[in-house]
PDB file of all heavy atoms in Angstrom:
ATOM      1  N   LEU A   1     -26.548 -16.759   4.058  1.00  0.00           N
ATOM      2  CA  LEU A   1     -26.979 -16.485   5.423  1.00  0.00           C
ATOM      3  C   LEU A   1     -28.496 -16.649   5.585  1.00  0.00           C
ATOM      4  O   LEU A   1     -29.057 -16.294   6.625  1.00  0.00           O
ATOM      5  CB  LEU A   1     -26.579 -15.057   5.822  1.00  0.00           C
ATOM      6  CG  LEU A   1     -25.071 -14.798   5.914  1.00  0.00           C
ATOM      7  CD1 LEU A   1     -24.796 -13.304   6.017  1.00  0.00           C
ATOM      8  CD2 LEU A   1     -24.470 -15.531   7.110  1.00  0.00           C
ATOM      9  N   ASP A   2     -29.157 -17.210   4.551  1.00  0.00           N
ATOM     10  CA  ASP A   2     -30.612 -17.390   4.567  1.00  0.00           C
ATOM     11  C   ASP A   2     -31.334 -16.069   4.808  1.00  0.00           C
ATOM     12  O   ASP A   2     -32.358 -16.012   5.507  1.00  0.00           O
ATOM     13  CB  ASP A   2     -31.027 -18.414   5.646  1.00  0.00           C
ATOM     14  CG  ASP A   2     -30.526 -19.818   5.328  1.00  0.00           C
ATOM     15  OD1 ASP A   2     -30.502 -20.167   4.136  1.00  0.00           O
ATOM     16  OD2 ASP A   2     -30.159 -20.538   6.271  1.00  0.00           O
ATOM     17  N   GLY A   3     -30.793 -15.004   4.227  1.00  0.00           N
ATOM     18  CA  GLY A   3     -31.398 -13.698   4.387  1.00  0.00           C
ATOM     19  C   GLY A   3     -32.120 -13.259   3.122  1.00  0.00           C
ATOM     20  O   GLY A   3     -32.379 -14.053   2.223  1.00  0.00           O
ATOM     21  N   SER A   4     -32.474 -12.000   3.070  1.00  0.00           N
ATOM     22  CA  SER A   4     -33.155 -11.452   1.899  1.00  0.00           C
ATOM     23  C   SER A   4     -32.509 -10.134   1.511  1.00  0.00           C
ATOM     24  O   SER A   4     -31.986  -9.415   2.363  1.00  0.00           O
ATOM     25  CB  SER A   4     -34.650 -11.234   2.190  1.00  0.00           C
ATOM     26  OG  SER A   4     -34.823 -10.307   3.262  1.00  0.00           O
ATOM     27  N   ILE A   5     -32.556  -9.826   0.222  1.00  0.00           N
ATOM     28  CA  ILE A   5     -31.965  -8.603  -0.290  1.00  0.00           C
ATOM     29  C   ILE A   5     -32.962  -7.951  -1.241  1.00  0.00           C
ATOM     30  O   ILE A   5     -33.712  -8.648  -1.927  1.00  0.00           O
ATOM     31  CB  ILE A   5     -30.617  -8.885  -1.001  1.00  0.00           C
ATOM     32  CG1 ILE A   5     -29.898  -7.580  -1.347  1.00  0.00           C
ATOM     33  CG2 ILE A   5     -30.804  -9.754  -2.221  1.00  0.00           C
ATOM     34  CD1 ILE A   5     -28.449  -7.793  -1.789  1.00  0.00           C
ATOM     35  N   GLY A   6     -32.997  -6.648  -1.243  1.00  0.00           N
ATOM     36  CA  GLY A   6     -33.956  -5.965  -2.096  1.00  0.00           C
ATOM     37  C   GLY A   6     -33.457  -4.602  -2.529  1.00  0.00           C
ATOM     38  O   GLY A   6     -32.366  -4.171  -2.159  1.00  0.00           O
ATOM     39  N   VAL A   7     -34.291  -3.924  -3.305  1.00  0.00           N
ATOM     40  CA  VAL A   7     -33.912  -2.619  -3.846  1.00  0.00           C
ATOM     41  C   VAL A   7     -35.119  -1.703  -3.850  1.00  0.00           C
ATOM     42  O   VAL A   7     -36.246  -2.135  -4.081  1.00  0.00           O
ATOM     43  CB  VAL A   7     -33.326  -2.770  -5.274  1.00  0.00           C
ATOM     44  CG1 VAL A   7     -34.327  -3.417  -6.200  1.00  0.00           C
ATOM     45  CG2 VAL A   7     -32.893  -1.410  -5.810  1.00  0.00           C
ATOM     46  N   GLU A   8     -34.877  -0.445  -3.538  1.00  0.00           N
ATOM     47  CA  GLU A   8     -35.915   0.575  -3.620  1.00  0.00           C
ATOM     48  C   GLU A   8     -35.403   1.702  -4.512  1.00  0.00           C
ATOM     49  O   GLU A   8     -34.294   2.195  -4.306  1.00  0.00           O
ATOM     50  CB  GLU A   8     -36.253   1.123  -2.232  1.00  0.00           C
ATOM     51  CG  GLU A   8     -36.900   0.111  -1.308  1.00  0.00           C
ATOM     52  CD  GLU A   8     -37.218   0.700   0.047  1.00  0.00           C
ATOM     53  OE1 GLU A   8     -36.885   1.882   0.268  1.00  0.00           O
ATOM     54  OE2 GLU A   8     -37.770  -0.028   0.898  1.00  0.00           O
ATOM     55  N   GLN A   9     -36.220   2.093  -5.479  1.00  0.00           N
ATOM     56  CA  GLN A   9     -35.837   3.155  -6.401  1.00  0.00           C
ATOM     57  C   GLN A   9     -36.787   4.339  -6.252  1.00  0.00           C
ATOM     58  O   GLN A   9     -38.001   4.174  -6.277  1.00  0.00           O
ATOM     59  CB  GLN A   9     -35.863   2.650  -7.845  1.00  0.00           C
ATOM     60  CG  GLN A   9     -34.786   1.620  -8.150  1.00  0.00           C
ATOM     61  CD  GLN A   9     -34.835   1.114  -9.571  1.00  0.00           C
ATOM     62  OE1 GLN A   9     -35.858   0.611 -10.013  1.00  0.00           O
ATOM     63  NE2 GLN A   9     -33.738   1.253 -10.290  1.00  0.00           N
ATOM     64  N   ASN A  10     -36.209   5.526  -6.066  1.00  0.00           N
ATOM     65  CA  ASN A  10     -36.991   6.745  -5.948  1.00  0.00           C
ATOM     66  C   ASN A  10     -36.515   7.749  -6.993  1.00  0.00           C
ATOM     67  O   ASN A  10     -35.327   8.071  -7.054  1.00  0.00           O
ATOM     68  CB  ASN A  10     -36.832   7.349  -4.548  1.00  0.00           C
ATOM     69  CG  ASN A  10     -37.384   6.431  -3.474  1.00  0.00           C
ATOM     70  OD1 ASN A  10     -38.513   5.978  -3.570  1.00  0.00           O
ATOM     71  ND2 ASN A  10     -36.576   6.146  -2.455  1.00  0.00           N
ATOM     72  N   ASP A  11     -37.437   8.221  -7.802  1.00  0.00           N
ATOM     73  CA  ASP A  11     -37.080   9.187  -8.845  1.00  0.00           C
ATOM     74  C   ASP A  11     -36.440  10.424  -8.236  1.00  0.00           C
ATOM     75  O   ASP A  11     -36.977  11.041  -7.319  1.00  0.00           O
ATOM     76  CB  ASP A  11     -38.328   9.591  -9.635  1.00  0.00           C
ATOM     77  CG  ASP A  11     -38.876   8.445 -10.465  1.00  0.00           C
ATOM     78  OD1 ASP A  11     -38.105   7.516 -10.735  1.00  0.00           O
ATOM     79  OD2 ASP A  11     -40.066   8.490 -10.825  1.00  0.00           O
ATOM     80  N   GLY A  12     -35.266  10.749  -8.740  1.00  0.00           N
ATOM     81  CA  GLY A  12     -34.569  11.934  -8.284  1.00  0.00           C
ATOM     82  C   GLY A  12     -33.830  11.783  -6.978  1.00  0.00           C
ATOM     83  O   GLY A  12     -33.131  12.697  -6.537  1.00  0.00           O
ATOM     84  N   MET A  13     -33.968  10.612  -6.335  1.00  0.00           N
ATOM     85  CA  MET A  13     -33.310  10.416  -5.032  1.00  0.00           C
ATOM     86  C   MET A  13     -32.340   9.241  -5.041  1.00  0.00           C
ATOM     87  O   MET A  13     -31.749   8.913  -4.024  1.00  0.00           O
ATOM     88  CB  MET A  13     -34.360  10.211  -3.936  1.00  0.00           C
ATOM     89  CG  MET A  13     -35.262  11.414  -3.728  1.00  0.00           C
ATOM     90  SD  MET A  13     -36.373  11.232  -2.313  1.00  0.00           S
ATOM     91  CE  MET A  13     -35.175  11.221  -0.969  1.00  0.00           C
ATOM     92  N   GLY A  14     -32.217   8.567  -6.182  1.00  0.00           N
ATOM     93  CA  GLY A  14     -31.263   7.474  -6.265  1.00  0.00           C
ATOM     94  C   GLY A  14     -31.879   6.124  -5.938  1.00  0.00           C
ATOM     95  O   GLY A  14     -33.097   5.978  -5.832  1.00  0.00           O
ATOM     96  N   THR A  15     -31.018   5.148  -5.763  1.00  0.00           N
ATOM     97  CA  THR A  15     -31.428   3.763  -5.533  1.00  0.00           C
ATOM     98  C   THR A  15     -30.869   3.263  -4.205  1.00  0.00           C
ATOM     99  O   THR A  15     -29.696   3.476  -3.893  1.00  0.00           O
ATOM    100  CB  THR A  15     -30.928   2.855  -6.668  1.00  0.00           C
ATOM    101  OG1 THR A  15     -31.435   3.341  -7.911  1.00  0.00           O
ATOM    102  CG2 THR A  15     -31.391   1.421  -6.473  1.00  0.00           C
ATOM    103  N   LEU A  16     -31.711   2.583  -3.426  1.00  0.00           N
ATOM    104  CA  LEU A  16     -31.303   2.032  -2.134  1.00  0.00           C
ATOM    105  C   LEU A  16     -31.323   0.516  -2.201  1.00  0.00           C
ATOM    106  O   LEU A  16     -32.351  -0.087  -2.527  1.00  0.00           O
ATOM    107  CB  LEU A  16     -32.251   2.504  -1.025  1.00  0.00           C
ATOM    108  CG  LEU A  16     -32.087   1.815   0.341  1.00  0.00           C
ATOM    109  CD1 LEU A  16     -30.748   2.202   0.962  1.00  0.00           C
ATOM    110  CD2 LEU A  16     -33.235   2.184   1.267  1.00  0.00           C
ATOM    111  N   PHE A  17     -30.184  -0.109  -1.951  1.00  0.00           N
ATOM    112  CA  PHE A  17     -30.101  -1.562  -1.840  1.00  0.00           C
ATOM    113  C   PHE A  17     -30.010  -1.912  -0.355  1.00  0.00           C
ATOM    114  O   PHE A  17     -29.294  -1.254   0.400  1.00  0.00           O
ATOM    115  CB  PHE A  17     -28.877  -2.096  -2.576  1.00  0.00           C
ATOM    116  CG  PHE A  17     -28.932  -1.915  -4.064  1.00  0.00           C
ATOM    117  CD1 PHE A  17     -28.381  -0.786  -4.661  1.00  0.00           C
ATOM    118  CD2 PHE A  17     -29.539  -2.863  -4.867  1.00  0.00           C
ATOM    119  CE1 PHE A  17     -28.433  -0.606  -6.031  1.00  0.00           C
ATOM    120  CE2 PHE A  17     -29.595  -2.693  -6.235  1.00  0.00           C
ATOM    121  CZ  PHE A  17     -29.039  -1.565  -6.822  1.00  0.00           C
ATOM    122  N   TYR A  18     -30.733  -2.932   0.075  1.00  0.00           N
ATOM    123  CA  TYR A  18     -30.725  -3.301   1.486  1.00  0.00           C
ATOM    124  C   TYR A  18     -30.775  -4.819   1.629  1.00  0.00           C
ATOM    125  O   TYR A  18     -31.154  -5.540   0.698  1.00  0.00           O
ATOM    126  CB  TYR A  18     -31.921  -2.668   2.209  1.00  0.00           C
ATOM    127  CG  TYR A  18     -33.263  -3.154   1.699  1.00  0.00           C
ATOM    128  CD1 TYR A  18     -33.878  -4.271   2.268  1.00  0.00           C
ATOM    129  CD2 TYR A  18     -33.898  -2.505   0.647  1.00  0.00           C
ATOM    130  CE1 TYR A  18     -35.098  -4.719   1.802  1.00  0.00           C
ATOM    131  CE2 TYR A  18     -35.116  -2.960   0.167  1.00  0.00           C
ATOM    132  CZ  TYR A  18     -35.719  -4.062   0.751  1.00  0.00           C
ATOM    133  OH  TYR A  18     -36.913  -4.523   0.271  1.00  0.00           O
ATOM    134  N   PHE A  19     -30.366  -5.309   2.792  1.00  0.00           N
ATOM    135  CA  PHE A  19     -30.452  -6.738   3.062  1.00  0.00           C
ATOM    136  C   PHE A  19     -30.705  -6.965   4.548  1.00  0.00           C
ATOM    137  O   PHE A  19     -30.383  -6.124   5.391  1.00  0.00           O
ATOM    138  CB  PHE A  19     -29.172  -7.474   2.624  1.00  0.00           C
ATOM    139  CG  PHE A  19     -27.941  -7.075   3.387  1.00  0.00           C
ATOM    140  CD1 PHE A  19     -27.556  -7.775   4.524  1.00  0.00           C
ATOM    141  CD2 PHE A  19     -27.163  -6.004   2.957  1.00  0.00           C
ATOM    142  CE1 PHE A  19     -26.421  -7.404   5.220  1.00  0.00           C
ATOM    143  CE2 PHE A  19     -26.022  -5.635   3.655  1.00  0.00           C
ATOM    144  CZ  PHE A  19     -25.650  -6.343   4.790  1.00  0.00           C
ATOM    145  N   THR A  20     -31.291  -8.100   4.869  1.00  0.00           N
ATOM    146  CA  THR A  20     -31.532  -8.486   6.258  1.00  0.00           C
ATOM    147  C   THR A  20     -31.164  -9.949   6.438  1.00  0.00           C
ATOM    148  O   THR A  20     -31.301 -10.755   5.509  1.00  0.00           O
ATOM    149  CB  THR A  20     -33.009  -8.300   6.642  1.00  0.00           C
ATOM    150  OG1 THR A  20     -33.831  -9.109   5.790  1.00  0.00           O
ATOM    151  CG2 THR A  20     -33.435  -6.846   6.527  1.00  0.00           C
ATOM    152  N   PHE A  21     -30.688 -10.295   7.618  1.00  0.00           N
ATOM    153  CA  PHE A  21     -30.407 -11.696   7.938  1.00  0.00           C
ATOM    154  C   PHE A  21     -30.269 -11.831   9.448  1.00  0.00           C
ATOM    155  O   PHE A  21     -30.013 -10.864  10.156  1.00  0.00           O
ATOM    156  CB  PHE A  21     -29.129 -12.198   7.242  1.00  0.00           C
ATOM    157  CG  PHE A  21     -27.866 -11.544   7.724  1.00  0.00           C
ATOM    158  CD1 PHE A  21     -27.131 -12.094   8.760  1.00  0.00           C
ATOM    159  CD2 PHE A  21     -27.389 -10.373   7.127  1.00  0.00           C
ATOM    160  CE1 PHE A  21     -25.949 -11.500   9.202  1.00  0.00           C
ATOM    161  CE2 PHE A  21     -26.225  -9.773   7.562  1.00  0.00           C
ATOM    162  CZ  PHE A  21     -25.504 -10.342   8.605  1.00  0.00           C
ATOM    163  N   PHE A  22     -30.468 -13.052   9.951  1.00  0.00           N
ATOM    164  CA  PHE A  22     -30.262 -13.347  11.352  1.00  0.00           C
ATOM    165  C   PHE A  22     -28.826 -13.818  11.524  1.00  0.00           C
ATOM    166  O   PHE A  22     -28.411 -14.803  10.905  1.00  0.00           O
ATOM    167  CB  PHE A  22     -31.234 -14.422  11.839  1.00  0.00           C
ATOM    168  CG  PHE A  22     -32.655 -13.947  11.934  1.00  0.00           C
ATOM    169  CD1 PHE A  22     -33.572 -14.248  10.932  1.00  0.00           C
ATOM    170  CD2 PHE A  22     -33.063 -13.179  13.006  1.00  0.00           C
ATOM    171  CE1 PHE A  22     -34.871 -13.799  11.011  1.00  0.00           C
ATOM    172  CE2 PHE A  22     -34.370 -12.717  13.094  1.00  0.00           C
ATOM    173  CZ  PHE A  22     -35.278 -13.026  12.088  1.00  0.00           C
ATOM    174  N   ALA A  23     -28.050 -13.137  12.362  1.00  0.00           N
ATOM    175  CA  ALA A  23     -26.637 -13.469  12.557  1.00  0.00           C
ATOM    176  C   ALA A  23     -26.510 -14.515  13.660  1.00  0.00           C
ATOM    177  O   ALA A  23     -26.621 -14.213  14.841  1.00  0.00           O
ATOM    178  CB  ALA A  23     -25.837 -12.226  12.907  1.00  0.00           C
ATOM    179  N   THR A  24     -26.340 -15.741  13.260  1.00  0.00           N
ATOM    180  CA  THR A  24     -26.106 -16.816  14.219  1.00  0.00           C
ATOM    181  C   THR A  24     -24.746 -17.406  13.941  1.00  0.00           C
ATOM    182  O   THR A  24     -24.403 -17.690  12.790  1.00  0.00           O
ATOM    183  CB  THR A  24     -27.164 -17.919  14.097  1.00  0.00           C
ATOM    184  OG1 THR A  24     -27.182 -18.420  12.760  1.00  0.00           O
ATOM    185  CG2 THR A  24     -28.551 -17.382  14.443  1.00  0.00           C
ATOM    186  N   LEU A  25     -23.951 -17.608  14.986  1.00  0.00           N
ATOM    187  CA  LEU A  25     -22.600 -18.120  14.836  1.00  0.00           C
ATOM    188  C   LEU A  25     -22.451 -19.439  15.585  1.00  0.00           C
ATOM    189  O   LEU A  25     -23.135 -19.668  16.587  1.00  0.00           O
ATOM    190  CB  LEU A  25     -21.589 -17.096  15.349  1.00  0.00           C
ATOM    191  CG  LEU A  25     -21.544 -15.816  14.512  1.00  0.00           C
ATOM    192  CD1 LEU A  25     -20.770 -14.739  15.235  1.00  0.00           C
ATOM    193  CD2 LEU A  25     -20.913 -16.099  13.169  1.00  0.00           C
ATOM    194  N   PRO A  26     -21.579 -20.326  15.125  1.00  0.00           N
ATOM    195  CA  PRO A  26     -21.448 -21.642  15.744  1.00  0.00           C
ATOM    196  C   PRO A  26     -20.975 -21.549  17.172  1.00  0.00           C
ATOM    197  O   PRO A  26     -20.227 -20.671  17.560  1.00  0.00           O
ATOM    198  CB  PRO A  26     -20.390 -22.340  14.857  1.00  0.00           C
ATOM    199  CG  PRO A  26     -19.628 -21.221  14.251  1.00  0.00           C
ATOM    200  CD  PRO A  26     -20.621 -20.119  14.040  1.00  0.00           C
ATOM    201  N   SER A  27     -21.448 -22.491  17.983  1.00  0.00           N
ATOM    202  CA  SER A  27     -21.054 -22.530  19.387  1.00  0.00           C
ATOM    203  C   SER A  27     -20.897 -23.974  19.819  1.00  0.00           C
ATOM    204  O   SER A  27     -21.782 -24.800  19.598  1.00  0.00           O
ATOM    205  CB  SER A  27     -22.108 -21.846  20.261  1.00  0.00           C
ATOM    206  OG  SER A  27     -21.772 -21.954  21.617  1.00  0.00           O
ATOM    207  N   GLY A  28     -19.767 -24.284  20.423  1.00  0.00           N
ATOM    208  CA  GLY A  28     -19.565 -25.610  20.967  1.00  0.00           C
ATOM    209  C   GLY A  28     -18.947 -26.607  20.004  1.00  0.00           C
ATOM    210  O   GLY A  28     -18.516 -27.677  20.418  1.00  0.00           O
ATOM    211  N   GLU A  29     -18.908 -26.307  18.713  1.00  0.00           N
ATOM    212  CA  GLU A  29     -18.321 -27.248  17.778  1.00  0.00           C
ATOM    213  C   GLU A  29     -16.809 -27.251  17.943  1.00  0.00           C
ATOM    214  O   GLU A  29     -16.224 -26.332  18.505  1.00  0.00           O
ATOM    215  CB  GLU A  29     -18.682 -26.875  16.339  1.00  0.00           C
ATOM    216  CG  GLU A  29     -18.044 -25.595  15.881  1.00  0.00           C
ATOM    217  CD  GLU A  29     -18.287 -25.307  14.417  1.00  0.00           C
ATOM    218  OE1 GLU A  29     -17.953 -26.160  13.578  1.00  0.00           O
ATOM    219  OE2 GLU A  29     -18.782 -24.222  14.136  1.00  0.00           O
ATOM    220  N   THR A  30     -16.173 -28.285  17.487  1.00  0.00           N
ATOM    221  CA  THR A  30     -14.724 -28.346  17.584  1.00  0.00           C
ATOM    222  C   THR A  30     -14.116 -28.138  16.226  1.00  0.00           C
ATOM    223  O   THR A  30     -14.630 -28.607  15.212  1.00  0.00           O
ATOM    224  CB  THR A  30     -14.260 -29.711  18.137  1.00  0.00           C
ATOM    225  OG1 THR A  30     -14.750 -30.754  17.294  1.00  0.00           O
ATOM    226  CG2 THR A  30     -14.748 -29.912  19.549  1.00  0.00           C
ATOM    227  N   ILE A  31     -13.040 -27.388  16.182  1.00  0.00           N
ATOM    228  CA  ILE A  31     -12.287 -27.199  14.950  1.00  0.00           C
ATOM    229  C   ILE A  31     -10.828 -27.459  15.257  1.00  0.00           C
ATOM    230  O   ILE A  31     -10.404 -27.410  16.406  1.00  0.00           O
ATOM    231  CB  ILE A  31     -12.478 -25.787  14.380  1.00  0.00           C
ATOM    232  CG1 ILE A  31     -12.026 -24.741  15.395  1.00  0.00           C
ATOM    233  CG2 ILE A  31     -13.896 -25.553  13.971  1.00  0.00           C
ATOM    234  CD1 ILE A  31     -12.169 -23.329  14.896  1.00  0.00           C
ATOM    235  N   LYS A  32     -10.052 -27.749  14.257  1.00  0.00           N
ATOM    236  CA  LYS A  32      -8.667 -28.137  14.477  1.00  0.00           C
ATOM    237  C   LYS A  32      -7.721 -26.980  14.341  1.00  0.00           C
ATOM    238  O   LYS A  32      -7.725 -26.266  13.356  1.00  0.00           O
ATOM    239  CB  LYS A  32      -8.273 -29.260  13.516  1.00  0.00           C
ATOM    240  CG  LYS A  32      -8.961 -30.572  13.845  1.00  0.00           C
ATOM    241  CD  LYS A  32      -8.384 -31.718  13.046  1.00  0.00           C
ATOM    242  CE  LYS A  32      -9.004 -33.034  13.463  1.00  0.00           C
ATOM    243  NZ  LYS A  32      -8.408 -34.176  12.735  1.00  0.00           N
ATOM    244  N   GLU A  33      -6.920 -26.788  15.345  1.00  0.00           N
ATOM    245  CA  GLU A  33      -5.886 -25.776  15.320  1.00  0.00           C
ATOM    246  C   GLU A  33      -4.645 -26.415  14.713  1.00  0.00           C
ATOM    247  O   GLU A  33      -4.637 -27.601  14.381  1.00  0.00           O
ATOM    248  CB  GLU A  33      -5.613 -25.326  16.770  1.00  0.00           C
ATOM    249  CG  GLU A  33      -4.628 -24.190  16.876  1.00  0.00           C
ATOM    250  CD  GLU A  33      -3.906 -24.198  18.212  1.00  0.00           C
ATOM    251  OE1 GLU A  33      -4.198 -25.062  19.040  1.00  0.00           O
ATOM    252  OE2 GLU A  33      -3.024 -23.371  18.372  1.00  0.00           O
ATOM    253  N   LYS A  34      -3.573 -25.637  14.535  1.00  0.00           N
ATOM    254  CA  LYS A  34      -2.334 -26.204  14.017  1.00  0.00           C
ATOM    255  C   LYS A  34      -1.867 -27.323  14.930  1.00  0.00           C
ATOM    256  O   LYS A  34      -2.169 -27.356  16.119  1.00  0.00           O
ATOM    257  CB  LYS A  34      -1.264 -25.120  13.903  1.00  0.00           C
ATOM    258  CG  LYS A  34      -0.963 -24.403  15.202  1.00  0.00           C
ATOM    259  CD  LYS A  34       0.047 -23.307  14.985  1.00  0.00           C
ATOM    260  CE  LYS A  34       0.321 -22.572  16.289  1.00  0.00           C
ATOM    261  NZ  LYS A  34       1.294 -21.498  16.124  1.00  0.00           N
ATOM    262  N   GLU A  35      -1.151 -28.250  14.397  1.00  0.00           N
ATOM    263  CA  GLU A  35      -0.650 -29.419  15.097  1.00  0.00           C
ATOM    264  C   GLU A  35      -1.784 -30.339  15.531  1.00  0.00           C
ATOM    265  O   GLU A  35      -1.656 -31.103  16.489  1.00  0.00           O
ATOM    266  CB  GLU A  35       0.204 -29.011  16.306  1.00  0.00           C
ATOM    267  CG  GLU A  35       1.430 -28.191  15.921  1.00  0.00           C
ATOM    268  CD  GLU A  35       2.235 -27.735  17.121  1.00  0.00           C
ATOM    269  OE1 GLU A  35       1.797 -27.994  18.254  1.00  0.00           O
ATOM    270  OE2 GLU A  35       3.282 -27.124  16.907  1.00  0.00           O
ATOM    271  N   ASN A  36      -2.938 -30.257  14.811  1.00  0.00           N
ATOM    272  CA  ASN A  36      -4.060 -31.166  15.013  1.00  0.00           C
ATOM    273  C   ASN A  36      -4.643 -31.135  16.418  1.00  0.00           C
ATOM    274  O   ASN A  36      -5.189 -32.125  16.889  1.00  0.00           O
ATOM    275  CB  ASN A  36      -3.633 -32.606  14.671  1.00  0.00           C
ATOM    276  CG  ASN A  36      -3.286 -32.773  13.205  1.00  0.00           C
ATOM    277  OD1 ASN A  36      -3.968 -32.220  12.348  1.00  0.00           O
ATOM    278  ND2 ASN A  36      -2.231 -33.503  12.922  1.00  0.00           N
ATOM    279  N   VAL A  37      -4.532 -30.015  17.095  1.00  0.00           N
ATOM    280  CA  VAL A  37      -5.139 -29.875  18.411  1.00  0.00           C
ATOM    281  C   VAL A  37      -6.566 -29.374  18.230  1.00  0.00           C
ATOM    282  O   VAL A  37      -6.791 -28.366  17.574  1.00  0.00           O
ATOM    283  CB  VAL A  37      -4.345 -28.878  19.285  1.00  0.00           C
ATOM    284  CG1 VAL A  37      -5.034 -28.687  20.632  1.00  0.00           C
ATOM    285  CG2 VAL A  37      -2.921 -29.397  19.484  1.00  0.00           C
ATOM    286  N   GLU A  38      -7.529 -30.099  18.794  1.00  0.00           N
ATOM    287  CA  GLU A  38      -8.918 -29.692  18.653  1.00  0.00           C
ATOM    288  C   GLU A  38      -9.245 -28.603  19.674  1.00  0.00           C
ATOM    289  O   GLU A  38      -8.964 -28.738  20.849  1.00  0.00           O
ATOM    290  CB  GLU A  38      -9.851 -30.889  18.840  1.00  0.00           C
ATOM    291  CG  GLU A  38      -9.788 -31.882  17.687  1.00  0.00           C
ATOM    292  CD  GLU A  38     -10.878 -32.927  17.778  1.00  0.00           C
ATOM    293  OE1 GLU A  38     -11.519 -33.006  18.854  1.00  0.00           O
ATOM    294  OE2 GLU A  38     -11.089 -33.642  16.796  1.00  0.00           O
ATOM    295  N   VAL A  39      -9.832 -27.527  19.187  1.00  0.00           N
ATOM    296  CA  VAL A  39     -10.171 -26.392  20.041  1.00  0.00           C
ATOM    297  C   VAL A  39     -11.619 -26.012  19.782  1.00  0.00           C
ATOM    298  O   VAL A  39     -12.036 -25.892  18.632  1.00  0.00           O
ATOM    299  CB  VAL A  39      -9.256 -25.179  19.741  1.00  0.00           C
ATOM    300  CG1 VAL A  39      -9.577 -24.037  20.696  1.00  0.00           C
ATOM    301  CG2 VAL A  39      -7.790 -25.570  19.845  1.00  0.00           C
ATOM    302  N   SER A  40     -12.396 -25.833  20.831  1.00  0.00           N
ATOM    303  CA  SER A  40     -13.798 -25.463  20.653  1.00  0.00           C
ATOM    304  C   SER A  40     -13.902 -24.015  20.193  1.00  0.00           C
ATOM    305  O   SER A  40     -13.037 -23.187  20.497  1.00  0.00           O
ATOM    306  CB  SER A  40     -14.574 -25.650  21.959  1.00  0.00           C
ATOM    307  OG  SER A  40     -14.194 -24.665  22.902  1.00  0.00           O
TER     308      SER A  40
END
């Protein structure tokens, strides 16, 4: 997702893992449904 992941460690408080990314989803492309019907 072209994001980043990291970790923060605090004595006595445990470990925190975190990640960030920009959520972009496809729009307008065509994909094939069953029976070869193209659906956007």
